[in-house]
Amino acid sequence: MAQGKKISDKKRSQIKAHLLECGNVRQTARKFKVAEGTVRKIRDESDDFAELHAHKKEQWINEAWKTINMYIEHVQTDKVIQKTGARDSAILIGTLHDKMIKNTELELKREELNLKRQELEKKDKAPEKPNIQVYIDALKGEMKEVFEDE
């Protein structure tokens, strides 16, 4: 396997920034004229990439919701309602309904993944040692009672 030229730190930062922005390895590789494996390697070497990507994704989602909410307000105006035919209204309502259901499904999936992660973390932990001193003390107490009764 041949090795190419070393990539400068500046170019690495640009690749990382572009990948965070678009989220597409192939597109990033094409833009910077590097191999897809190089882009993946830069992504994987970065300790904070997953956190930065999650933050960026959250920003995208928030922007999408802003746009959706603006559009919903727009289509609720009397002028738009009067101009909109039954077919277009049905498509709009169906699409919004589907997106709401998909959002609920995603939230449930996140909850499920969190629960599974918590279960795995519990399994990885060593079991707690039982407090046998309680049992020993109880047995000693019973033994004292037995000998005291005689």
C-alpha atoms as a PDB file:
ATOM      1  CA  MET A   1       0.000   0.000   0.000  1.00  0.00           C
ATOM      2  CA  ALA A   2       1.539   3.265  -1.113  1.00  0.00           C
ATOM      3  CA  GLN A   3       1.699   6.270   1.100  1.00  0.00           C
ATOM      4  CA  GLY A   4       0.972   9.690  -0.316  1.00  0.00           C
ATOM      5  CA  LYS A   5       2.155  13.087   0.817  1.00  0.00           C
ATOM      6  CA  LYS A   6       1.617  14.031   4.416  1.00  0.00           C
ATOM      7  CA  ILE A   7      -1.363  16.301   4.908  1.00  0.00           C
ATOM      8  CA  SER A   8      -0.674  19.615   6.622  1.00  0.00           C
ATOM      9  CA  ASP A   9      -2.353  20.427   9.909  1.00  0.00           C
ATOM     10  CA  LYS A  10      -4.186  23.270   8.190  1.00  0.00           C
ATOM     11  CA  LYS A  11      -5.640  20.933   5.556  1.00  0.00           C
ATOM     12  CA  ARG A  12      -6.527  18.373   8.245  1.00  0.00           C
ATOM     13  CA  SER A  13      -8.478  21.078  10.085  1.00  0.00           C
ATOM     14  CA  GLN A  14     -10.235  22.083   6.875  1.00  0.00           C
ATOM     15  CA  ILE A  15     -11.152  18.450   6.141  1.00  0.00           C
ATOM     16  CA  LYS A  16     -12.464  17.979   9.664  1.00  0.00           C
ATOM     17  CA  ALA A  17     -14.486  21.212   9.499  1.00  0.00           C
ATOM     18  CA  HIS A  18     -15.989  20.322   6.131  1.00  0.00           C
ATOM     19  CA  LEU A  19     -16.847  16.809   7.289  1.00  0.00           C
ATOM     20  CA  LEU A  20     -18.554  18.248  10.364  1.00  0.00           C
ATOM     21  CA  GLU A  21     -20.517  20.596   8.133  1.00  0.00           C
ATOM     22  CA  CYS A  22     -21.668  18.119   5.490  1.00  0.00           C
ATOM     23  CA  GLY A  23     -21.364  14.771   7.307  1.00  0.00           C
ATOM     24  CA  ASN A  24     -20.351  13.016   4.064  1.00  0.00           C
ATOM     25  CA  VAL A  25     -16.962  11.267   3.814  1.00  0.00           C
ATOM     26  CA  ARG A  26     -17.078  10.808   0.030  1.00  0.00           C
ATOM     27  CA  GLN A  27     -18.006  14.444  -0.651  1.00  0.00           C
ATOM     28  CA  THR A  28     -15.246  15.656   1.674  1.00  0.00           C
ATOM     29  CA  ALA A  29     -12.680  13.391   0.021  1.00  0.00           C
ATOM     30  CA  ARG A  30     -13.621  14.679  -3.431  1.00  0.00           C
ATOM     31  CA  LYS A  31     -13.488  18.310  -2.372  1.00  0.00           C
ATOM     32  CA  PHE A  32      -9.999  18.024  -0.866  1.00  0.00           C
ATOM     33  CA  LYS A  33      -8.723  15.471  -3.419  1.00  0.00           C
ATOM     34  CA  VAL A  34      -7.788  12.875  -0.816  1.00  0.00           C
ATOM     35  CA  ALA A  35      -8.787   9.248  -0.341  1.00  0.00           C
ATOM     36  CA  GLU A  36     -11.955   8.439   1.583  1.00  0.00           C
ATOM     37  CA  GLY A  37      -9.804   6.384   3.948  1.00  0.00           C
ATOM     38  CA  THR A  38      -7.805   9.509   4.736  1.00  0.00           C
ATOM     39  CA  VAL A  39     -10.971  11.391   5.639  1.00  0.00           C
ATOM     40  CA  ARG A  40     -12.131   8.499   7.837  1.00  0.00           C
ATOM     41  CA  LYS A  41      -8.702   8.356   9.509  1.00  0.00           C
ATOM     42  CA  ILE A  42      -8.833  12.093  10.291  1.00  0.00           C
ATOM     43  CA  ARG A  43     -12.361  11.644  11.642  1.00  0.00           C
ATOM     44  CA  ASP A  44     -11.410   8.637  13.767  1.00  0.00           C
ATOM     45  CA  GLU A  45      -8.219  10.230  15.129  1.00  0.00           C
ATOM     46  CA  SER A  46     -10.198  13.140  16.506  1.00  0.00           C
ATOM     47  CA  ASP A  47     -11.281  12.473  20.078  1.00  0.00           C
ATOM     48  CA  ASP A  48     -13.938  15.159  20.038  1.00  0.00           C
ATOM     49  CA  PHE A  49     -15.317  14.531  16.542  1.00  0.00           C
ATOM     50  CA  ALA A  50     -18.324  12.491  17.692  1.00  0.00           C
ATOM     51  CA  GLU A  51     -19.261  15.156  20.231  1.00  0.00           C
ATOM     52  CA  LEU A  52     -18.789  17.971  17.705  1.00  0.00           C
ATOM     53  CA  HIS A  53     -20.798  16.062  15.101  1.00  0.00           C
ATOM     54  CA  ALA A  54     -23.632  15.456  17.570  1.00  0.00           C
ATOM     55  CA  HIS A  55     -23.630  19.171  18.426  1.00  0.00           C
ATOM     56  CA  LYS A  56     -23.684  20.123  14.734  1.00  0.00           C
ATOM     57  CA  LYS A  57     -26.486  17.640  14.076  1.00  0.00           C
ATOM     58  CA  GLU A  58     -28.475  19.199  16.915  1.00  0.00           C
ATOM     59  CA  GLN A  59     -27.981  22.615  15.293  1.00  0.00           C
ATOM     60  CA  TRP A  60     -29.242  21.262  11.946  1.00  0.00           C
ATOM     61  CA  ILE A  61     -32.291  19.781  13.630  1.00  0.00           C
ATOM     62  CA  ASN A  62     -33.049  23.058  15.410  1.00  0.00           C
ATOM     63  CA  GLU A  63     -32.761  24.978  12.140  1.00  0.00           C
ATOM     64  CA  ALA A  64     -35.039  22.472  10.424  1.00  0.00           C
ATOM     65  CA  TRP A  65     -37.650  22.876  13.171  1.00  0.00           C
ATOM     66  CA  LYS A  66     -37.482  26.664  12.848  1.00  0.00           C
ATOM     67  CA  THR A  67     -38.123  26.368   9.108  1.00  0.00           C
ATOM     68  CA  ILE A  68     -40.933  23.868   9.633  1.00  0.00           C
ATOM     69  CA  ASN A  69     -42.591  26.086  12.236  1.00  0.00           C
ATOM     70  CA  MET A  70     -42.322  29.145   9.961  1.00  0.00           C
ATOM     71  CA  TYR A  71     -43.896  27.176   7.119  1.00  0.00           C
ATOM     72  CA  ILE A  72     -46.685  25.862   9.343  1.00  0.00           C
ATOM     73  CA  GLU A  73     -47.494  29.427  10.389  1.00  0.00           C
ATOM     74  CA  HIS A  74     -47.441  30.473   6.734  1.00  0.00           C
ATOM     75  CA  VAL A  75     -49.831  27.743   5.552  1.00  0.00           C
ATOM     76  CA  GLN A  76     -52.270  28.581   8.336  1.00  0.00           C
ATOM     77  CA  THR A  77     -52.947  32.065   7.021  1.00  0.00           C
ATOM     78  CA  ASP A  78     -56.396  32.577   5.512  1.00  0.00           C
ATOM     79  CA  LYS A  79     -54.926  33.650   2.181  1.00  0.00           C
ATOM     80  CA  VAL A  80     -52.951  30.416   1.749  1.00  0.00           C
ATOM     81  CA  ILE A  81     -55.786  28.228   2.992  1.00  0.00           C
ATOM     82  CA  GLN A  82     -58.169  29.732   0.433  1.00  0.00           C
ATOM     83  CA  LYS A  83     -55.689  29.202  -2.418  1.00  0.00           C
ATOM     84  CA  THR A  84     -54.785  25.637  -1.443  1.00  0.00           C
ATOM     85  CA  GLY A  85     -56.667  22.791  -3.048  1.00  0.00           C
ATOM     86  CA  ALA A  86     -57.856  19.653  -1.271  1.00  0.00           C
ATOM     87  CA  ARG A  87     -55.085  17.523  -2.818  1.00  0.00           C
ATOM     88  CA  ASP A  88     -52.294  19.860  -1.674  1.00  0.00           C
ATOM     89  CA  SER A  89     -53.839  20.142   1.792  1.00  0.00           C
ATOM     90  CA  ALA A  90     -54.004  16.354   2.093  1.00  0.00           C
ATOM     91  CA  ILE A  91     -50.359  16.029   1.029  1.00  0.00           C
ATOM     92  CA  LEU A  92     -49.292  18.671   3.545  1.00  0.00           C
ATOM     93  CA  ILE A  93     -51.243  17.120   6.408  1.00  0.00           C
ATOM     94  CA  GLY A  94     -50.007  13.628   5.548  1.00  0.00           C
ATOM     95  CA  THR A  95     -46.396  14.753   5.350  1.00  0.00           C
ATOM     96  CA  LEU A  96     -46.569  16.612   8.660  1.00  0.00           C
ATOM     97  CA  HIS A  97     -48.256  13.638  10.296  1.00  0.00           C
ATOM     98  CA  ASP A  98     -45.546  11.282   9.009  1.00  0.00           C
ATOM     99  CA  LYS A  99     -42.795  13.578  10.309  1.00  0.00           C
ATOM    100  CA  MET A 100     -44.416  13.802  13.731  1.00  0.00           C
ATOM    101  CA  ILE A 101     -44.648  10.010  13.933  1.00  0.00           C
ATOM    102  CA  LYS A 102     -41.038   9.642  12.771  1.00  0.00           C
ATOM    103  CA  ASN A 103     -39.924  12.089  15.451  1.00  0.00           C
ATOM    104  CA  THR A 104     -41.752  10.059  18.107  1.00  0.00           C
ATOM    105  CA  GLU A 105     -40.165   6.852  16.792  1.00  0.00           C
ATOM    106  CA  LEU A 106     -36.709   8.422  16.980  1.00  0.00           C
ATOM    107  CA  GLU A 107     -37.282   9.554  20.562  1.00  0.00           C
ATOM    108  CA  LEU A 108     -38.410   6.047  21.528  1.00  0.00           C
ATOM    109  CA  LYS A 109     -35.370   4.549  19.774  1.00  0.00           C
ATOM    110  CA  ARG A 110     -33.066   6.913  21.722  1.00  0.00           C
ATOM    111  CA  GLU A 111     -34.714   5.870  24.984  1.00  0.00           C
ATOM    112  CA  GLU A 112     -34.338   2.199  24.046  1.00  0.00           C
ATOM    113  CA  LEU A 113     -30.643   2.677  23.231  1.00  0.00           C
ATOM    114  CA  ASN A 114     -30.077   4.498  26.529  1.00  0.00           C
ATOM    115  CA  LEU A 115     -31.743   1.675  28.452  1.00  0.00           C
ATOM    116  CA  LYS A 116     -29.647  -0.937  26.636  1.00  0.00           C
ATOM    117  CA  ARG A 117     -26.492   1.078  27.323  1.00  0.00           C
ATOM    118  CA  GLN A 118     -27.384   1.276  31.020  1.00  0.00           C
ATOM    119  CA  GLU A 119     -28.007  -2.485  31.131  1.00  0.00           C
ATOM    120  CA  LEU A 120     -24.630  -3.160  29.527  1.00  0.00           C
ATOM    121  CA  GLU A 121     -22.912  -0.821  31.967  1.00  0.00           C
ATOM    122  CA  LYS A 122     -24.523  -2.682  34.870  1.00  0.00           C
ATOM    123  CA  LYS A 123     -23.370  -6.028  33.453  1.00  0.00           C
ATOM    124  CA  ASP A 124     -19.817  -4.726  33.093  1.00  0.00           C
ATOM    125  CA  LYS A 125     -19.657  -3.700  36.734  1.00  0.00           C
ATOM    126  CA  ALA A 126     -18.432  -6.274  39.218  1.00  0.00           C
ATOM    127  CA  PRO A 127     -21.222  -7.565  41.425  1.00  0.00           C
ATOM    128  CA  GLU A 128     -21.390  -6.014  44.845  1.00  0.00           C
ATOM    129  CA  LYS A 129     -19.976  -8.107  47.637  1.00  0.00           C
ATOM    130  CA  PRO A 130     -22.686  -9.231  50.005  1.00  0.00           C
ATOM    131  CA  ASN A 131     -22.451  -7.890  53.523  1.00  0.00           C
ATOM    132  CA  ILE A 132     -21.965 -11.207  55.261  1.00  0.00           C
ATOM    133  CA  GLN A 133     -21.226  -9.512  58.563  1.00  0.00           C
ATOM    134  CA  VAL A 134     -24.979  -9.048  59.013  1.00  0.00           C
ATOM    135  CA  TYR A 135     -25.484 -12.816  58.738  1.00  0.00           C
ATOM    136  CA  ILE A 136     -22.576 -13.571  61.052  1.00  0.00           C
ATOM    137  CA  ASP A 137     -23.932 -11.168  63.661  1.00  0.00           C
ATOM    138  CA  ALA A 138     -27.383 -12.724  63.329  1.00  0.00           C
ATOM    139  CA  LEU A 139     -25.962 -16.216  63.797  1.00  0.00           C
ATOM    140  CA  LYS A 140     -23.959 -15.100  66.823  1.00  0.00           C
ATOM    141  CA  GLY A 141     -27.095 -13.607  68.286  1.00  0.00           C
ATOM    142  CA  GLU A 142     -29.004 -16.869  67.741  1.00  0.00           C
ATOM    143  CA  MET A 143     -26.165 -18.834  69.262  1.00  0.00           C
ATOM    144  CA  LYS A 144     -26.202 -16.625  72.379  1.00  0.00           C
ATOM    145  CA  GLU A 145     -29.940 -17.188  72.702  1.00  0.00           C
ATOM    146  CA  VAL A 146     -29.480 -20.950  72.389  1.00  0.00           C
ATOM    147  CA  PHE A 147     -26.842 -21.064  75.101  1.00  0.00           C
ATOM    148  CA  GLU A 148     -28.726 -18.643  77.332  1.00  0.00           C
ATOM    149  CA  ASP A 149     -31.875 -20.809  77.228  1.00  0.00           C
ATOM    150  CA  GLU A 150     -30.048 -23.806  78.697  1.00  0.00           C
END
